[in-house]
Amino acid sequence: MGQPARGFDHVQRADGSVVISHHGRPVGTLRGERAARFLAEVREDPQLVMARWTGNYRRGNERAARQHPRNRG
């Protein structure tokens, strides 16, 4: 598989929302029930969970997809 996700951070605001950032840039804001579910899950493996919740999760198949005949120039 690929390398583990790095560079993610999250901040919980006073209103209960959660802002997820990647290398200092905000990439997502969660509110309400989604924020609560995220906070419960982020304790396990924070970097991986934040990558998955933001959609910035590499699956390791990028190189194989580039070589597919459909994607060749």
PDB file of N, CA and C in Angstrom:
ATOM      1  N   MET A   1       0.823  -1.184   0.000  1.00  0.00           N
ATOM      2  CA  MET A   1       0.000   0.000   0.000  1.00  0.00           C
ATOM      3  C   MET A   1       0.864   1.242   0.000  1.00  0.00           C
ATOM      4  N   GLY A   2       0.253   2.393  -0.158  1.00  0.00           N
ATOM      5  CA  GLY A   2       0.977   3.649  -0.185  1.00  0.00           C
ATOM      6  C   GLY A   2       1.459   4.068   1.186  1.00  0.00           C
ATOM      7  N   GLN A   3       2.063   5.226   1.224  1.00  0.00           N
ATOM      8  CA  GLN A   3       2.549   5.742   2.488  1.00  0.00           C
ATOM      9  C   GLN A   3       1.391   6.248   3.323  1.00  0.00           C
ATOM     10  N   PRO A   4       1.567   6.275   4.652  1.00  0.00           N
ATOM     11  CA  PRO A   4       0.497   6.779   5.499  1.00  0.00           C
ATOM     12  C   PRO A   4       0.269   8.267   5.279  1.00  0.00           C
ATOM     13  N   ALA A   5      -0.948   8.701   5.491  1.00  0.00           N
ATOM     14  CA  ALA A   5      -1.299  10.106   5.324  1.00  0.00           C
ATOM     15  C   ALA A   5      -0.584  10.936   6.388  1.00  0.00           C
ATOM     16  N   ARG A   6      -0.154  12.120   6.014  1.00  0.00           N
ATOM     17  CA  ARG A   6       0.514  13.017   6.956  1.00  0.00           C
ATOM     18  C   ARG A   6       0.078  14.444   6.673  1.00  0.00           C
ATOM     19  N   GLY A   7       0.254  15.297   7.665  1.00  0.00           N
ATOM     20  CA  GLY A   7      -0.012  16.716   7.471  1.00  0.00           C
ATOM     21  C   GLY A   7      -1.409  17.159   7.818  1.00  0.00           C
ATOM     22  N   PHE A   8      -2.248  16.262   8.297  1.00  0.00           N
ATOM     23  CA  PHE A   8      -3.607  16.636   8.659  1.00  0.00           C
ATOM     24  C   PHE A   8      -3.662  17.121  10.096  1.00  0.00           C
ATOM     25  N   ASP A   9      -4.577  18.041  10.366  1.00  0.00           N
ATOM     26  CA  ASP A   9      -4.820  18.544  11.708  1.00  0.00           C
ATOM     27  C   ASP A   9      -6.290  18.915  11.791  1.00  0.00           C
ATOM     28  N   HIS A  10      -6.823  18.934  13.004  1.00  0.00           N
ATOM     29  CA  HIS A  10      -8.213  19.349  13.160  1.00  0.00           C
ATOM     30  C   HIS A  10      -8.349  20.230  14.398  1.00  0.00           C
ATOM     31  N   VAL A  11      -9.329  21.123  14.341  1.00  0.00           N
ATOM     32  CA  VAL A  11      -9.614  22.045  15.429  1.00  0.00           C
ATOM     33  C   VAL A  11     -11.101  21.985  15.704  1.00  0.00           C
ATOM     34  N   GLN A  12     -11.443  21.808  16.975  1.00  0.00           N
ATOM     35  CA  GLN A  12     -12.853  21.835  17.360  1.00  0.00           C
ATOM     36  C   GLN A  12     -13.179  23.244  17.827  1.00  0.00           C
ATOM     37  N   ARG A  13     -14.173  23.848  17.222  1.00  0.00           N
ATOM     38  CA  ARG A  13     -14.574  25.214  17.565  1.00  0.00           C
ATOM     39  C   ARG A  13     -15.580  25.210  18.704  1.00  0.00           C
ATOM     40  N   ALA A  14     -15.809  26.382  19.271  1.00  0.00           N
ATOM     41  CA  ALA A  14     -16.724  26.532  20.406  1.00  0.00           C
ATOM     42  C   ALA A  14     -18.164  26.173  20.039  1.00  0.00           C
ATOM     43  N   ASP A  15     -18.533  26.359  18.772  1.00  0.00           N
ATOM     44  CA  ASP A  15     -19.907  26.052  18.359  1.00  0.00           C
ATOM     45  C   ASP A  15     -20.112  24.564  18.068  1.00  0.00           C
ATOM     46  N   GLY A  16     -19.067  23.737  18.262  1.00  0.00           N
ATOM     47  CA  GLY A  16     -19.180  22.300  18.049  1.00  0.00           C
ATOM     48  C   GLY A  16     -18.731  21.838  16.678  1.00  0.00           C
ATOM     49  N   SER A  17     -18.461  22.775  15.768  1.00  0.00           N
ATOM     50  CA  SER A  17     -18.000  22.382  14.441  1.00  0.00           C
ATOM     51  C   SER A  17     -16.522  22.001  14.509  1.00  0.00           C
ATOM     52  N   VAL A  18     -16.089  21.249  13.510  1.00  0.00           N
ATOM     53  CA  VAL A  18     -14.703  20.796  13.425  1.00  0.00           C
ATOM     54  C   VAL A  18     -14.155  21.205  12.067  1.00  0.00           C
ATOM     55  N   VAL A  19     -12.984  21.836  12.075  1.00  0.00           N
ATOM     56  CA  VAL A  19     -12.322  22.233  10.833  1.00  0.00           C
ATOM     57  C   VAL A  19     -11.110  21.335  10.659  1.00  0.00           C
ATOM     58  N   ILE A  20     -11.051  20.653   9.516  1.00  0.00           N
ATOM     59  CA  ILE A  20      -9.926  19.784   9.185  1.00  0.00           C
ATOM     60  C   ILE A  20      -9.044  20.529   8.197  1.00  0.00           C
ATOM     61  N   SER A  21      -7.737  20.537   8.471  1.00  0.00           N
ATOM     62  CA  SER A  21      -6.807  21.206   7.570  1.00  0.00           C
ATOM     63  C   SER A  21      -5.703  20.237   7.159  1.00  0.00           C
ATOM     64  N   HIS A  22      -5.121  20.515   6.008  1.00  0.00           N
ATOM     65  CA  HIS A  22      -4.013  19.711   5.486  1.00  0.00           C
ATOM     66  C   HIS A  22      -2.883  20.663   5.139  1.00  0.00           C
ATOM     67  N   HIS A  23      -1.768  20.518   5.818  1.00  0.00           N
ATOM     68  CA  HIS A  23      -0.622  21.412   5.675  1.00  0.00           C
ATOM     69  C   HIS A  23      -1.033  22.868   5.847  1.00  0.00           C
ATOM     70  N   GLY A  24      -1.875  23.131   6.837  1.00  0.00           N
ATOM     71  CA  GLY A  24      -2.266  24.491   7.173  1.00  0.00           C
ATOM     72  C   GLY A  24      -3.427  25.066   6.387  1.00  0.00           C
ATOM     73  N   ARG A  25      -3.897  24.366   5.375  1.00  0.00           N
ATOM     74  CA  ARG A  25      -5.021  24.860   4.568  1.00  0.00           C
ATOM     75  C   ARG A  25      -6.297  24.118   4.942  1.00  0.00           C
ATOM     76  N   PRO A  26      -7.380  24.849   5.193  1.00  0.00           N
ATOM     77  CA  PRO A  26      -8.637  24.167   5.532  1.00  0.00           C
ATOM     78  C   PRO A  26      -9.157  23.355   4.348  1.00  0.00           C
ATOM     79  N   VAL A  27      -9.530  22.101   4.615  1.00  0.00           N
ATOM     80  CA  VAL A  27     -10.038  21.238   3.553  1.00  0.00           C
ATOM     81  C   VAL A  27     -11.447  20.751   3.820  1.00  0.00           C
ATOM     82  N   GLY A  28     -11.957  20.985   5.021  1.00  0.00           N
ATOM     83  CA  GLY A  28     -13.311  20.549   5.306  1.00  0.00           C
ATOM     84  C   GLY A  28     -13.793  21.042   6.644  1.00  0.00           C
ATOM     85  N   THR A  29     -15.102  21.265   6.735  1.00  0.00           N
ATOM     86  CA  THR A  29     -15.738  21.672   7.979  1.00  0.00           C
ATOM     87  C   THR A  29     -16.894  20.727   8.239  1.00  0.00           C
ATOM     88  N   LEU A  30     -16.934  20.186   9.435  1.00  0.00           N
ATOM     89  CA  LEU A  30     -18.002  19.266   9.829  1.00  0.00           C
ATOM     90  C   LEU A  30     -18.827  19.919  10.923  1.00  0.00           C
ATOM     91  N   ARG A  31     -20.135  19.729  10.852  1.00  0.00           N
ATOM     92  CA  ARG A  31     -21.032  20.314  11.847  1.00  0.00           C
ATOM     93  C   ARG A  31     -22.035  19.275  12.315  1.00  0.00           C
ATOM     94  N   GLY A  32     -22.563  19.485  13.501  1.00  0.00           N
ATOM     95  CA  GLY A  32     -23.643  18.655  14.025  1.00  0.00           C
ATOM     96  C   GLY A  32     -23.234  17.217  14.253  1.00  0.00           C
ATOM     97  N   GLU A  33     -24.105  16.305  13.811  1.00  0.00           N
ATOM     98  CA  GLU A  33     -23.899  14.869  14.020  1.00  0.00           C
ATOM     99  C   GLU A  33     -22.627  14.368  13.345  1.00  0.00           C
ATOM    100  N   ARG A  34     -22.326  14.886  12.171  1.00  0.00           N
ATOM    101  CA  ARG A  34     -21.099  14.465  11.477  1.00  0.00           C
ATOM    102  C   ARG A  34     -19.856  14.830  12.275  1.00  0.00           C
ATOM    103  N   ALA A  35     -19.855  16.006  12.888  1.00  0.00           N
ATOM    104  CA  ALA A  35     -18.710  16.416  13.712  1.00  0.00           C
ATOM    105  C   ALA A  35     -18.567  15.499  14.918  1.00  0.00           C
ATOM    106  N   ALA A  36     -19.668  15.142  15.537  1.00  0.00           N
ATOM    107  CA  ALA A  36     -19.629  14.256  16.696  1.00  0.00           C
ATOM    108  C   ALA A  36     -19.108  12.870  16.308  1.00  0.00           C
ATOM    109  N   ARG A  37     -19.567  12.336  15.170  1.00  0.00           N
ATOM    110  CA  ARG A  37     -19.079  11.024  14.720  1.00  0.00           C
ATOM    111  C   ARG A  37     -17.588  11.081  14.387  1.00  0.00           C
ATOM    112  N   PHE A  38     -17.164  12.181  13.761  1.00  0.00           N
ATOM    113  CA  PHE A  38     -15.751  12.339  13.435  1.00  0.00           C
ATOM    114  C   PHE A  38     -14.898  12.358  14.695  1.00  0.00           C
ATOM    115  N   LEU A  39     -15.304  13.133  15.709  1.00  0.00           N
ATOM    116  CA  LEU A  39     -14.526  13.239  16.931  1.00  0.00           C
ATOM    117  C   LEU A  39     -14.431  11.902  17.666  1.00  0.00           C
ATOM    118  N   ALA A  40     -15.473  11.100  17.582  1.00  0.00           N
ATOM    119  CA  ALA A  40     -15.430   9.780  18.209  1.00  0.00           C
ATOM    120  C   ALA A  40     -14.481   8.848  17.451  1.00  0.00           C
ATOM    121  N   GLU A  41     -14.399   9.003  16.152  1.00  0.00           N
ATOM    122  CA  GLU A  41     -13.587   8.110  15.321  1.00  0.00           C
ATOM    123  C   GLU A  41     -12.128   8.544  15.234  1.00  0.00           C
ATOM    124  N   VAL A  42     -11.847   9.825  15.378  1.00  0.00           N
ATOM    125  CA  VAL A  42     -10.502  10.348  15.144  1.00  0.00           C
ATOM    126  C   VAL A  42      -9.512   9.895  16.212  1.00  0.00           C
ATOM    127  N   ARG A  43      -9.972   9.380  17.301  1.00  0.00           N
ATOM    128  CA  ARG A  43      -9.071   8.922  18.361  1.00  0.00           C
ATOM    129  C   ARG A  43      -8.272   7.696  17.948  1.00  0.00           C
ATOM    130  N   GLU A  44      -8.795   6.901  17.025  1.00  0.00           N
ATOM    131  CA  GLU A  44      -8.151   5.648  16.625  1.00  0.00           C
ATOM    132  C   GLU A  44      -6.842   5.882  15.877  1.00  0.00           C
ATOM    133  N   ASP A  45      -6.894   6.451  14.708  1.00  0.00           N
ATOM    134  CA  ASP A  45      -5.721   6.744  13.880  1.00  0.00           C
ATOM    135  C   ASP A  45      -5.972   8.098  13.224  1.00  0.00           C
ATOM    136  N   PRO A  46      -5.593   9.189  13.881  1.00  0.00           N
ATOM    137  CA  PRO A  46      -6.007  10.523  13.428  1.00  0.00           C
ATOM    138  C   PRO A  46      -5.688  10.844  11.977  1.00  0.00           C
ATOM    139  N   GLN A  47      -4.483  10.574  11.505  1.00  0.00           N
ATOM    140  CA  GLN A  47      -4.115  10.937  10.143  1.00  0.00           C
ATOM    141  C   GLN A  47      -4.937  10.187   9.108  1.00  0.00           C
ATOM    142  N   LEU A  48      -5.111   8.914   9.310  1.00  0.00           N
ATOM    143  CA  LEU A  48      -5.876   8.104   8.376  1.00  0.00           C
ATOM    144  C   LEU A  48      -7.347   8.493   8.376  1.00  0.00           C
ATOM    145  N   VAL A  49      -7.901   8.728   9.544  1.00  0.00           N
ATOM    146  CA  VAL A  49      -9.314   9.108   9.651  1.00  0.00           C
ATOM    147  C   VAL A  49      -9.564  10.453   8.976  1.00  0.00           C
ATOM    148  N   MET A  50      -8.687  11.427   9.212  1.00  0.00           N
ATOM    149  CA  MET A  50      -8.876  12.739   8.584  1.00  0.00           C
ATOM    150  C   MET A  50      -8.722  12.654   7.071  1.00  0.00           C
ATOM    151  N   ALA A  51      -7.810  11.846   6.596  1.00  0.00           N
ATOM    152  CA  ALA A  51      -7.657  11.667   5.152  1.00  0.00           C
ATOM    153  C   ALA A  51      -8.915  11.058   4.552  1.00  0.00           C
ATOM    154  N   ARG A  52      -9.471  10.084   5.228  1.00  0.00           N
ATOM    155  CA  ARG A  52     -10.672   9.423   4.713  1.00  0.00           C
ATOM    156  C   ARG A  52     -11.871  10.363   4.733  1.00  0.00           C
ATOM    157  N   TRP A  53     -12.035  11.122   5.812  1.00  0.00           N
ATOM    158  CA  TRP A  53     -13.188  12.022   5.924  1.00  0.00           C
ATOM    159  C   TRP A  53     -13.115  13.180   4.939  1.00  0.00           C
ATOM    160  N   THR A  54     -11.937  13.582   4.531  1.00  0.00           N
ATOM    161  CA  THR A  54     -11.817  14.697   3.589  1.00  0.00           C
ATOM    162  C   THR A  54     -11.795  14.230   2.142  1.00  0.00           C
ATOM    163  N   GLY A  55     -11.704  12.922   1.921  1.00  0.00           N
ATOM    164  CA  GLY A  55     -11.654  12.421   0.553  1.00  0.00           C
ATOM    165  C   GLY A  55     -10.256  12.471  -0.025  1.00  0.00           C
ATOM    166  N   ASN A  56      -9.282  12.796   0.787  1.00  0.00           N
ATOM    167  CA  ASN A  56      -7.896  12.889   0.329  1.00  0.00           C
ATOM    168  C   ASN A  56      -7.172  11.602   0.728  1.00  0.00           C
ATOM    169  N   TYR A  57      -7.717  10.493   0.324  1.00  0.00           N
ATOM    170  CA  TYR A  57      -7.217   9.196   0.749  1.00  0.00           C
ATOM    171  C   TYR A  57      -6.740   8.441  -0.470  1.00  0.00           C
ATOM    172  N   ARG A  58      -5.464   8.251  -0.587  1.00  0.00           N
ATOM    173  CA  ARG A  58      -4.912   7.532  -1.740  1.00  0.00           C
ATOM    174  C   ARG A  58      -5.091   6.041  -1.562  1.00  0.00           C
ATOM    175  N   ARG A  59      -5.489   5.403  -2.599  1.00  0.00           N
ATOM    176  CA  ARG A  59      -5.784   3.981  -2.527  1.00  0.00           C
ATOM    177  C   ARG A  59      -4.628   3.127  -3.039  1.00  0.00           C
ATOM    178  N   GLY A  60      -3.593   3.744  -3.546  1.00  0.00           N
ATOM    179  CA  GLY A  60      -2.432   2.999  -4.018  1.00  0.00           C
ATOM    180  C   GLY A  60      -2.541   2.509  -5.445  1.00  0.00           C
ATOM    181  N   ASN A  61      -3.611   2.860  -6.157  1.00  0.00           N
ATOM    182  CA  ASN A  61      -3.786   2.360  -7.512  1.00  0.00           C
ATOM    183  C   ASN A  61      -3.555   3.439  -8.569  1.00  0.00           C
ATOM    184  N   GLU A  62      -2.990   4.574  -8.197  1.00  0.00           N
ATOM    185  CA  GLU A  62      -2.823   5.659  -9.154  1.00  0.00           C
ATOM    186  C   GLU A  62      -1.881   5.274 -10.296  1.00  0.00           C
ATOM    187  N   ARG A  63      -0.799   4.587  -9.976  1.00  0.00           N
ATOM    188  CA  ARG A  63       0.156   4.201 -11.009  1.00  0.00           C
ATOM    189  C   ARG A  63      -0.462   3.176 -11.961  1.00  0.00           C
ATOM    190  N   ALA A  64      -1.194   2.223 -11.419  1.00  0.00           N
ATOM    191  CA  ALA A  64      -1.830   1.208 -12.259  1.00  0.00           C
ATOM    192  C   ALA A  64      -2.871   1.843 -13.184  1.00  0.00           C
ATOM    193  N   ALA A  65      -3.609   2.816 -12.702  1.00  0.00           N
ATOM    194  CA  ALA A  65      -4.621   3.472 -13.521  1.00  0.00           C
ATOM    195  C   ALA A  65      -3.982   4.269 -14.654  1.00  0.00           C
ATOM    196  N   ARG A  66      -2.820   4.836 -14.396  1.00  0.00           N
ATOM    197  CA  ARG A  66      -2.142   5.604 -15.430  1.00  0.00           C
ATOM    198  C   ARG A  66      -1.704   4.722 -16.582  1.00  0.00           C
ATOM    199  N   GLN A  67      -1.403   3.463 -16.303  1.00  0.00           N
ATOM    200  CA  GLN A  67      -0.925   2.520 -17.318  1.00  0.00           C
ATOM    201  C   GLN A  67      -2.070   1.824 -18.077  1.00  0.00           C
ATOM    202  N   HIS A  68      -3.301   2.023 -17.643  1.00  0.00           N
ATOM    203  CA  HIS A  68      -4.451   1.385 -18.283  1.00  0.00           C
ATOM    204  C   HIS A  68      -4.597   1.909 -19.718  1.00  0.00           C
ATOM    205  N   PRO A  69      -4.910   1.042 -20.680  1.00  0.00           N
ATOM    206  CA  PRO A  69      -5.035   1.483 -22.094  1.00  0.00           C
ATOM    207  C   PRO A  69      -6.015   2.625 -22.283  1.00  0.00           C
ATOM    208  N   ARG A  70      -7.053   2.681 -21.493  1.00  0.00           N
ATOM    209  CA  ARG A  70      -8.037   3.742 -21.631  1.00  0.00           C
ATOM    210  C   ARG A  70      -7.428   5.106 -21.287  1.00  0.00           C
ATOM    211  N   ASN A  71      -6.429   5.138 -20.423  1.00  0.00           N
ATOM    212  CA  ASN A  71      -5.858   6.391 -19.968  1.00  0.00           C
ATOM    213  C   ASN A  71      -4.577   6.789 -20.694  1.00  0.00           C
ATOM    214  N   ARG A  72      -4.168   6.007 -21.639  1.00  0.00           N
ATOM    215  CA  ARG A  72      -2.959   6.356 -22.403  1.00  0.00           C
ATOM    216  C   ARG A  72      -3.294   7.372 -23.475  1.00  0.00           C
ATOM    217  N   GLY A  73      -2.342   8.227 -23.714  1.00  0.00           N
ATOM    218  CA  GLY A  73      -2.518   9.344 -24.623  1.00  0.00           C
ATOM    219  C   GLY A  73      -2.766   9.004 -26.016  1.00  0.00           C
TER     220      GLY A  73
END
